[in-house]
Amino acid sequence: MESRPAKVGAIIVAAGSSLRMGGADKLWVDLGGQPLLARTIAAIVALPALAELVVVGGPETLRRAAELPGDPPWSRVDRWVAGGATRQDSVYCGLEALGPHSIILIHDGARPLVRQETLERGVAAAQAHGAALAAIPITDTIKVVDQDERVRSTLDRTALRGAQTPQVFAGSLLRQAYARVGAARAGCTDDAAVMEMAGLPVYVFPGERDNLKVSTPADLALVRALWAARMEEETA
């Protein structure tokens, strides 16, 4: 869809409530000597095509951001903005703060292990198709159950994918989708769903199994182990 070099504007969504973390704010827990959010930011700002970065945060994140040192990766954030009531409201706040860019990349603040190859695949997919998200094949058997927990059907997992971020879009197309959907965006669980609700096609590109989102203490333990293994691999 795009043939010119991408000019990427990125939004990191960091406005979650960390309800499943047992009281810990997942974005500020330690990951290899730095806050988890710092690791996520560092991964995004390493993207060569990046032109602007907006981080959307809740009250605690914005309070902490005001006290951060002016060192990388924090210094690479162009703007910190307040989020909304839902994830997609927060993304909309990020879009309002972001300048015009040919490509807009959206990533969860709690996915610190995203690889450069994944980000670059996302930009290429958005250039080719207009809207694309990282996704991985489902390996579990998925059952559909009723209100009594009785199994009603088994889904064909060959047609199923687990959605991740980054989700990457032609900038004008994403803004068009948000304008078309309006306040109904609040009922969507990701940006691809906003595109779908707007009647626009969305494609997938290969994600990575270690591109995990930290939502629970168990997720954090696994991400820490994977981070340590990656660091050991890089210094070997």
C-alpha atoms as a PDB file:
ATOM      1  CA  MET A   1       0.000   0.000   0.000  1.00  0.00           C
ATOM      2  CA  GLU A   2       2.935   2.320   0.833  1.00  0.00           C
ATOM      3  CA  SER A   3       6.011   2.458  -1.402  1.00  0.00           C
ATOM      4  CA  ARG A   4       7.832   5.377   0.229  1.00  0.00           C
ATOM      5  CA  PRO A   5      10.058   4.911   3.284  1.00  0.00           C
ATOM      6  CA  ALA A   6       7.916   4.670   6.385  1.00  0.00           C
ATOM      7  CA  LYS A   7       7.716   7.536   8.845  1.00  0.00           C
ATOM      8  CA  VAL A   8       6.540   5.759  11.978  1.00  0.00           C
ATOM      9  CA  GLY A   9       4.694   7.315  14.875  1.00  0.00           C
ATOM     10  CA  ALA A  10       4.438   4.944  17.835  1.00  0.00           C
ATOM     11  CA  ILE A  11       2.038   4.784  20.772  1.00  0.00           C
ATOM     12  CA  ILE A  12       2.905   2.734  23.838  1.00  0.00           C
ATOM     13  CA  VAL A  13      -0.229   1.976  25.863  1.00  0.00           C
ATOM     14  CA  ALA A  14       0.716   2.057  29.545  1.00  0.00           C
ATOM     15  CA  ALA A  15      -2.524   3.055  31.238  1.00  0.00           C
ATOM     16  CA  GLY A  16      -3.631  -0.327  32.630  1.00  0.00           C
ATOM     17  CA  SER A  17      -4.629  -0.862  36.251  1.00  0.00           C
ATOM     18  CA  SER A  18      -2.470  -3.985  36.969  1.00  0.00           C
ATOM     19  CA  LEU A  19      -5.426  -5.539  38.825  1.00  0.00           C
ATOM     20  CA  ARG A  20      -4.144  -9.100  38.338  1.00  0.00           C
ATOM     21  CA  MET A  21      -0.666  -8.312  39.697  1.00  0.00           C
ATOM     22  CA  GLY A  22      -1.601  -8.543  43.354  1.00  0.00           C
ATOM     23  CA  GLY A  23      -0.893  -4.889  44.130  1.00  0.00           C
ATOM     24  CA  ALA A  24       2.312  -4.440  42.110  1.00  0.00           C
ATOM     25  CA  ASP A  25       2.381  -1.987  39.211  1.00  0.00           C
ATOM     26  CA  LYS A  26       3.628  -4.246  36.409  1.00  0.00           C
ATOM     27  CA  LEU A  27       5.071  -1.374  34.379  1.00  0.00           C
ATOM     28  CA  TRP A  28       7.481  -0.372  37.132  1.00  0.00           C
ATOM     29  CA  VAL A  29       8.635  -3.748  38.422  1.00  0.00           C
ATOM     30  CA  ASP A  30      12.314  -4.557  37.956  1.00  0.00           C
ATOM     31  CA  LEU A  31      13.371  -6.320  34.769  1.00  0.00           C
ATOM     32  CA  GLY A  32      17.117  -6.791  34.571  1.00  0.00           C
ATOM     33  CA  GLY A  33      17.904  -3.682  36.581  1.00  0.00           C
ATOM     34  CA  GLN A  34      15.438  -1.297  34.930  1.00  0.00           C
ATOM     35  CA  PRO A  35      11.673  -0.788  35.113  1.00  0.00           C
ATOM     36  CA  LEU A  36       9.767  -3.073  32.771  1.00  0.00           C
ATOM     37  CA  LEU A  37       8.374  -0.047  30.928  1.00  0.00           C
ATOM     38  CA  ALA A  38      11.922   1.164  30.228  1.00  0.00           C
ATOM     39  CA  ARG A  39      12.655  -2.128  28.463  1.00  0.00           C
ATOM     40  CA  THR A  40       9.557  -1.742  26.308  1.00  0.00           C
ATOM     41  CA  ILE A  41      10.424   1.843  25.404  1.00  0.00           C
ATOM     42  CA  ALA A  42      14.002   0.853  24.559  1.00  0.00           C
ATOM     43  CA  ALA A  43      12.751  -1.800  22.148  1.00  0.00           C
ATOM     44  CA  ILE A  44      10.462   0.643  20.337  1.00  0.00           C
ATOM     45  CA  VAL A  45      12.965   3.506  20.052  1.00  0.00           C
ATOM     46  CA  ALA A  46      15.486   1.139  18.473  1.00  0.00           C
ATOM     47  CA  LEU A  47      13.247   0.979  15.386  1.00  0.00           C
ATOM     48  CA  PRO A  48      15.173   2.942  12.715  1.00  0.00           C
ATOM     49  CA  ALA A  49      12.018   4.319  11.078  1.00  0.00           C
ATOM     50  CA  LEU A  50      10.666   5.782  14.336  1.00  0.00           C
ATOM     51  CA  ALA A  51       9.891   9.507  14.082  1.00  0.00           C
ATOM     52  CA  GLU A  52       7.825  10.127  17.206  1.00  0.00           C
ATOM     53  CA  LEU A  53       6.878   8.251  20.381  1.00  0.00           C
ATOM     54  CA  VAL A  54       3.913   8.928  22.644  1.00  0.00           C
ATOM     55  CA  VAL A  55       3.390   7.014  25.881  1.00  0.00           C
ATOM     56  CA  VAL A  56      -0.165   6.933  27.222  1.00  0.00           C
ATOM     57  CA  GLY A  57      -0.257   6.420  30.981  1.00  0.00           C
ATOM     58  CA  GLY A  58      -2.488   6.320  33.996  1.00  0.00           C
ATOM     59  CA  PRO A  59      -2.105   8.704  36.944  1.00  0.00           C
ATOM     60  CA  GLU A  60       0.669   6.713  38.638  1.00  0.00           C
ATOM     61  CA  THR A  61       2.687   6.357  35.435  1.00  0.00           C
ATOM     62  CA  LEU A  62       2.389  10.072  34.716  1.00  0.00           C
ATOM     63  CA  ARG A  63       3.451  10.902  38.274  1.00  0.00           C
ATOM     64  CA  ARG A  64       6.526   8.704  37.936  1.00  0.00           C
ATOM     65  CA  ALA A  65       7.269  10.071  34.469  1.00  0.00           C
ATOM     66  CA  ALA A  66       7.489  13.600  35.871  1.00  0.00           C
ATOM     67  CA  GLU A  67      10.338  12.441  38.146  1.00  0.00           C
ATOM     68  CA  LEU A  68      12.323  10.447  35.575  1.00  0.00           C
ATOM     69  CA  PRO A  69      15.924  11.332  34.665  1.00  0.00           C
ATOM     70  CA  GLY A  70      16.590  12.766  31.227  1.00  0.00           C
ATOM     71  CA  ASP A  71      18.551   9.718  30.144  1.00  0.00           C
ATOM     72  CA  PRO A  72      17.744   7.105  27.490  1.00  0.00           C
ATOM     73  CA  PRO A  73      15.377   5.459  26.994  1.00  0.00           C
ATOM     74  CA  TRP A  74      13.169   7.973  28.828  1.00  0.00           C
ATOM     75  CA  SER A  75      14.625  10.886  26.864  1.00  0.00           C
ATOM     76  CA  ARG A  76      13.372   9.321  23.628  1.00  0.00           C
ATOM     77  CA  VAL A  77       9.713   9.731  24.652  1.00  0.00           C
ATOM     78  CA  ASP A  78       8.336  12.799  22.881  1.00  0.00           C
ATOM     79  CA  ARG A  79       5.141  13.056  24.899  1.00  0.00           C
ATOM     80  CA  TRP A  80       3.478  11.507  27.957  1.00  0.00           C
ATOM     81  CA  VAL A  81      -0.311  11.811  27.867  1.00  0.00           C
ATOM     82  CA  ALA A  82      -3.148  10.758  30.153  1.00  0.00           C
ATOM     83  CA  GLY A  83      -5.158   7.705  29.176  1.00  0.00           C
ATOM     84  CA  GLY A  84      -8.906   7.166  29.111  1.00  0.00           C
ATOM     85  CA  ALA A  85     -11.427   4.857  30.750  1.00  0.00           C
ATOM     86  CA  THR A  86     -10.716   1.902  28.439  1.00  0.00           C
ATOM     87  CA  ARG A  87      -7.754   0.694  26.431  1.00  0.00           C
ATOM     88  CA  GLN A  88      -9.141   2.053  23.169  1.00  0.00           C
ATOM     89  CA  ASP A  89     -10.008   5.370  24.789  1.00  0.00           C
ATOM     90  CA  SER A  90      -6.340   5.513  25.823  1.00  0.00           C
ATOM     91  CA  VAL A  91      -5.185   4.763  22.282  1.00  0.00           C
ATOM     92  CA  TYR A  92      -7.459   7.538  21.039  1.00  0.00           C
ATOM     93  CA  CYS A  93      -5.783   9.931  23.491  1.00  0.00           C
ATOM     94  CA  GLY A  94      -2.444   8.838  22.050  1.00  0.00           C
ATOM     95  CA  LEU A  95      -3.669   9.418  18.498  1.00  0.00           C
ATOM     96  CA  GLU A  96      -4.808  12.919  19.420  1.00  0.00           C
ATOM     97  CA  ALA A  97      -1.313  13.690  20.730  1.00  0.00           C
ATOM     98  CA  LEU A  98       0.569  12.076  17.841  1.00  0.00           C
ATOM     99  CA  GLY A  99       1.577  14.032  14.771  1.00  0.00           C
ATOM    100  CA  PRO A 100       0.735  12.957  11.192  1.00  0.00           C
ATOM    101  CA  HIS A 101       2.709   9.872  10.186  1.00  0.00           C
ATOM    102  CA  SER A 102       2.432   7.500   7.274  1.00  0.00           C
ATOM    103  CA  ILE A 103       2.555   4.526   9.654  1.00  0.00           C
ATOM    104  CA  ILE A 104       1.266   4.272  13.230  1.00  0.00           C
ATOM    105  CA  LEU A 105       2.522   1.477  15.464  1.00  0.00           C
ATOM    106  CA  ILE A 106       0.727   0.633  18.708  1.00  0.00           C
ATOM    107  CA  HIS A 107       2.317  -1.547  21.375  1.00  0.00           C
ATOM    108  CA  ASP A 108       1.445  -2.686  24.888  1.00  0.00           C
ATOM    109  CA  GLY A 109       3.670  -1.210  27.559  1.00  0.00           C
ATOM    110  CA  ALA A 110       3.663  -4.583  29.311  1.00  0.00           C
ATOM    111  CA  ARG A 111       5.274  -6.452  26.370  1.00  0.00           C
ATOM    112  CA  PRO A 112       8.983  -5.755  26.958  1.00  0.00           C
ATOM    113  CA  LEU A 113      10.347  -8.718  24.977  1.00  0.00           C
ATOM    114  CA  VAL A 114       9.212  -7.562  21.541  1.00  0.00           C
ATOM    115  CA  ARG A 115      11.952  -8.110  18.953  1.00  0.00           C
ATOM    116  CA  GLN A 116      13.116  -5.699  16.271  1.00  0.00           C
ATOM    117  CA  GLU A 117      12.300  -8.273  13.594  1.00  0.00           C
ATOM    118  CA  THR A 118       8.680  -8.283  14.783  1.00  0.00           C
ATOM    119  CA  LEU A 119       8.444  -4.487  14.683  1.00  0.00           C
ATOM    120  CA  GLU A 120       9.943  -4.390  11.200  1.00  0.00           C
ATOM    121  CA  ARG A 121       7.590  -7.122   9.976  1.00  0.00           C
ATOM    122  CA  GLY A 122       4.719  -5.044  11.309  1.00  0.00           C
ATOM    123  CA  VAL A 123       5.795  -1.898   9.474  1.00  0.00           C
ATOM    124  CA  ALA A 124       6.221  -3.869   6.240  1.00  0.00           C
ATOM    125  CA  ALA A 125       2.802  -5.495   6.669  1.00  0.00           C
ATOM    126  CA  ALA A 126       1.120  -2.134   7.265  1.00  0.00           C
ATOM    127  CA  GLN A 127       2.776  -0.732   4.164  1.00  0.00           C
ATOM    128  CA  ALA A 128       1.521  -3.701   2.154  1.00  0.00           C
ATOM    129  CA  HIS A 129      -1.999  -4.023   3.576  1.00  0.00           C
ATOM    130  CA  GLY A 130      -2.891  -0.892   5.528  1.00  0.00           C
ATOM    131  CA  ALA A 131      -3.652  -2.719   8.798  1.00  0.00           C
ATOM    132  CA  ALA A 132      -1.866  -5.657  10.401  1.00  0.00           C
ATOM    133  CA  LEU A 133      -1.260  -7.202  13.803  1.00  0.00           C
ATOM    134  CA  ALA A 134       1.287  -9.596  15.232  1.00  0.00           C
ATOM    135  CA  ALA A 135      -0.302 -12.979  15.872  1.00  0.00           C
ATOM    136  CA  ILE A 136       0.705 -16.533  16.667  1.00  0.00           C
ATOM    137  CA  PRO A 137      -1.010 -19.860  15.888  1.00  0.00           C
ATOM    138  CA  ILE A 138      -3.146 -21.336  18.662  1.00  0.00           C
ATOM    139  CA  THR A 139      -1.757 -24.623  19.965  1.00  0.00           C
ATOM    140  CA  ASP A 140      -4.413 -25.441  22.569  1.00  0.00           C
ATOM    141  CA  THR A 141      -7.736 -27.012  21.635  1.00  0.00           C
ATOM    142  CA  ILE A 142     -10.420 -24.329  22.061  1.00  0.00           C
ATOM    143  CA  LYS A 143     -13.856 -25.279  23.385  1.00  0.00           C
ATOM    144  CA  VAL A 144     -17.033 -23.215  23.239  1.00  0.00           C
ATOM    145  CA  VAL A 145     -19.093 -23.655  26.406  1.00  0.00           C
ATOM    146  CA  ASP A 146     -22.504 -22.463  27.562  1.00  0.00           C
ATOM    147  CA  GLN A 147     -23.493 -20.798  30.845  1.00  0.00           C
ATOM    148  CA  ASP A 148     -23.531 -24.193  32.561  1.00  0.00           C
ATOM    149  CA  GLU A 149     -19.931 -24.884  31.444  1.00  0.00           C
ATOM    150  CA  ARG A 150     -21.152 -27.565  29.058  1.00  0.00           C
ATOM    151  CA  VAL A 151     -19.077 -27.926  25.886  1.00  0.00           C
ATOM    152  CA  ARG A 152     -21.079 -26.925  22.829  1.00  0.00           C
ATOM    153  CA  SER A 153     -18.426 -27.090  20.106  1.00  0.00           C
ATOM    154  CA  THR A 154     -14.732 -27.357  19.341  1.00  0.00           C
ATOM    155  CA  LEU A 155     -13.210 -24.677  17.148  1.00  0.00           C
ATOM    156  CA  ASP A 156     -10.891 -25.413  14.253  1.00  0.00           C
ATOM    157  CA  ARG A 157      -7.609 -24.130  15.635  1.00  0.00           C
ATOM    158  CA  THR A 158      -5.989 -23.991  12.196  1.00  0.00           C
ATOM    159  CA  ALA A 159      -8.072 -20.853  11.590  1.00  0.00           C
ATOM    160  CA  LEU A 160      -7.332 -19.300  14.993  1.00  0.00           C
ATOM    161  CA  ARG A 161      -4.582 -16.873  15.972  1.00  0.00           C
ATOM    162  CA  GLY A 162      -3.597 -15.335  19.283  1.00  0.00           C
ATOM    163  CA  ALA A 163      -3.443 -11.562  18.879  1.00  0.00           C
ATOM    164  CA  GLN A 164      -0.432  -9.609  20.139  1.00  0.00           C
ATOM    165  CA  THR A 165       1.050  -6.181  19.662  1.00  0.00           C
ATOM    166  CA  PRO A 166       2.552  -4.435  17.800  1.00  0.00           C
ATOM    167  CA  GLN A 167      -0.485  -3.614  15.726  1.00  0.00           C
ATOM    168  CA  VAL A 168       0.527  -1.399  12.831  1.00  0.00           C
ATOM    169  CA  PHE A 169      -1.530   0.740  10.471  1.00  0.00           C
ATOM    170  CA  ALA A 170      -1.432   3.256   7.689  1.00  0.00           C
ATOM    171  CA  GLY A 171      -1.894   6.437   9.708  1.00  0.00           C
ATOM    172  CA  SER A 172      -4.771   7.873   7.665  1.00  0.00           C
ATOM    173  CA  LEU A 173      -6.613   4.538   7.711  1.00  0.00           C
ATOM    174  CA  LEU A 174      -6.395   4.175  11.487  1.00  0.00           C
ATOM    175  CA  ARG A 175      -7.631   7.707  12.070  1.00  0.00           C
ATOM    176  CA  GLN A 176     -10.477   7.079   9.635  1.00  0.00           C
ATOM    177  CA  ALA A 177     -11.483   3.951  11.561  1.00  0.00           C
ATOM    178  CA  TYR A 178     -11.502   5.739  14.917  1.00  0.00           C
ATOM    179  CA  ALA A 179     -13.565   8.586  13.468  1.00  0.00           C
ATOM    180  CA  ARG A 180     -16.046   6.132  11.932  1.00  0.00           C
ATOM    181  CA  VAL A 181     -16.457   4.054  15.092  1.00  0.00           C
ATOM    182  CA  GLY A 182     -16.594   6.973  17.546  1.00  0.00           C
ATOM    183  CA  ALA A 183     -17.440   6.222  21.175  1.00  0.00           C
ATOM    184  CA  ALA A 184     -18.154   2.579  20.295  1.00  0.00           C
ATOM    185  CA  ARG A 185     -14.370   2.102  20.362  1.00  0.00           C
ATOM    186  CA  ALA A 186     -14.678   1.551  24.119  1.00  0.00           C
ATOM    187  CA  GLY A 187     -16.152  -1.892  23.473  1.00  0.00           C
ATOM    188  CA  CYS A 188     -13.178  -3.028  21.402  1.00  0.00           C
ATOM    189  CA  THR A 189     -10.325  -4.941  23.013  1.00  0.00           C
ATOM    190  CA  ASP A 190      -7.641  -3.926  20.511  1.00  0.00           C
ATOM    191  CA  ASP A 191      -7.042  -1.618  17.571  1.00  0.00           C
ATOM    192  CA  ALA A 192      -7.632  -4.364  15.038  1.00  0.00           C
ATOM    193  CA  ALA A 193     -11.156  -4.691  16.436  1.00  0.00           C
ATOM    194  CA  VAL A 194     -11.712  -0.959  15.824  1.00  0.00           C
ATOM    195  CA  MET A 195     -10.707  -1.497  12.204  1.00  0.00           C
ATOM    196  CA  GLU A 196     -13.027  -4.496  11.950  1.00  0.00           C
ATOM    197  CA  MET A 197     -15.925  -2.525  13.447  1.00  0.00           C
ATOM    198  CA  ALA A 198     -15.262   0.194  10.866  1.00  0.00           C
ATOM    199  CA  GLY A 199     -15.552  -2.412   8.106  1.00  0.00           C
ATOM    200  CA  LEU A 200     -11.881  -2.238   7.125  1.00  0.00           C
ATOM    201  CA  PRO A 201      -9.706  -5.296   6.397  1.00  0.00           C
ATOM    202  CA  VAL A 202      -6.995  -6.385   8.820  1.00  0.00           C
ATOM    203  CA  TYR A 203      -4.159  -8.849   8.181  1.00  0.00           C
ATOM    204  CA  VAL A 204      -1.814 -10.731  10.480  1.00  0.00           C
ATOM    205  CA  PHE A 205       1.949 -11.116  10.408  1.00  0.00           C
ATOM    206  CA  PRO A 206       4.062 -13.555  12.442  1.00  0.00           C
ATOM    207  CA  GLY A 207       4.479 -12.652  16.087  1.00  0.00           C
ATOM    208  CA  GLU A 208       6.771 -14.393  18.575  1.00  0.00           C
ATOM    209  CA  ARG A 209       5.865 -16.779  21.389  1.00  0.00           C
ATOM    210  CA  ASP A 210       8.139 -14.930  23.786  1.00  0.00           C
ATOM    211  CA  ASN A 211       6.441 -11.590  23.046  1.00  0.00           C
ATOM    212  CA  LEU A 212       4.464 -12.040  26.245  1.00  0.00           C
ATOM    213  CA  LYS A 213       2.223  -9.504  27.953  1.00  0.00           C
ATOM    214  CA  VAL A 214       2.749  -9.260  31.698  1.00  0.00           C
ATOM    215  CA  SER A 215      -0.660  -9.469  33.370  1.00  0.00           C
ATOM    216  CA  THR A 216      -0.037 -11.760  36.363  1.00  0.00           C
ATOM    217  CA  PRO A 217       2.856 -12.590  38.711  1.00  0.00           C
ATOM    218  CA  ALA A 218       3.330 -15.850  36.792  1.00  0.00           C
ATOM    219  CA  ASP A 219       3.742 -13.883  33.547  1.00  0.00           C
ATOM    220  CA  LEU A 220       6.338 -11.681  35.212  1.00  0.00           C
ATOM    221  CA  ALA A 221       8.348 -14.675  36.456  1.00  0.00           C
ATOM    222  CA  LEU A 222       8.411 -16.127  32.937  1.00  0.00           C
ATOM    223  CA  VAL A 223       9.359 -12.812  31.320  1.00  0.00           C
ATOM    224  CA  ARG A 224      12.204 -12.359  33.806  1.00  0.00           C
ATOM    225  CA  ALA A 225      13.514 -15.845  32.996  1.00  0.00           C
ATOM    226  CA  LEU A 226      13.274 -15.181  29.259  1.00  0.00           C
ATOM    227  CA  TRP A 227      14.985 -11.797  29.640  1.00  0.00           C
ATOM    228  CA  ALA A 228      17.845 -13.347  31.598  1.00  0.00           C
ATOM    229  CA  ALA A 229      18.242 -16.084  28.991  1.00  0.00           C
ATOM    230  CA  ARG A 230      18.282 -13.506  26.191  1.00  0.00           C
ATOM    231  CA  MET A 231      20.915 -11.403  27.943  1.00  0.00           C
ATOM    232  CA  GLU A 232      23.058 -14.474  28.554  1.00  0.00           C
ATOM    233  CA  GLU A 233      22.723 -15.439  24.894  1.00  0.00           C
ATOM    234  CA  GLU A 234      23.748 -11.961  23.720  1.00  0.00           C
ATOM    235  CA  THR A 235      26.869 -11.877  25.914  1.00  0.00           C
ATOM    236  CA  ALA A 236      27.965 -15.454  25.189  1.00  0.00           C
END
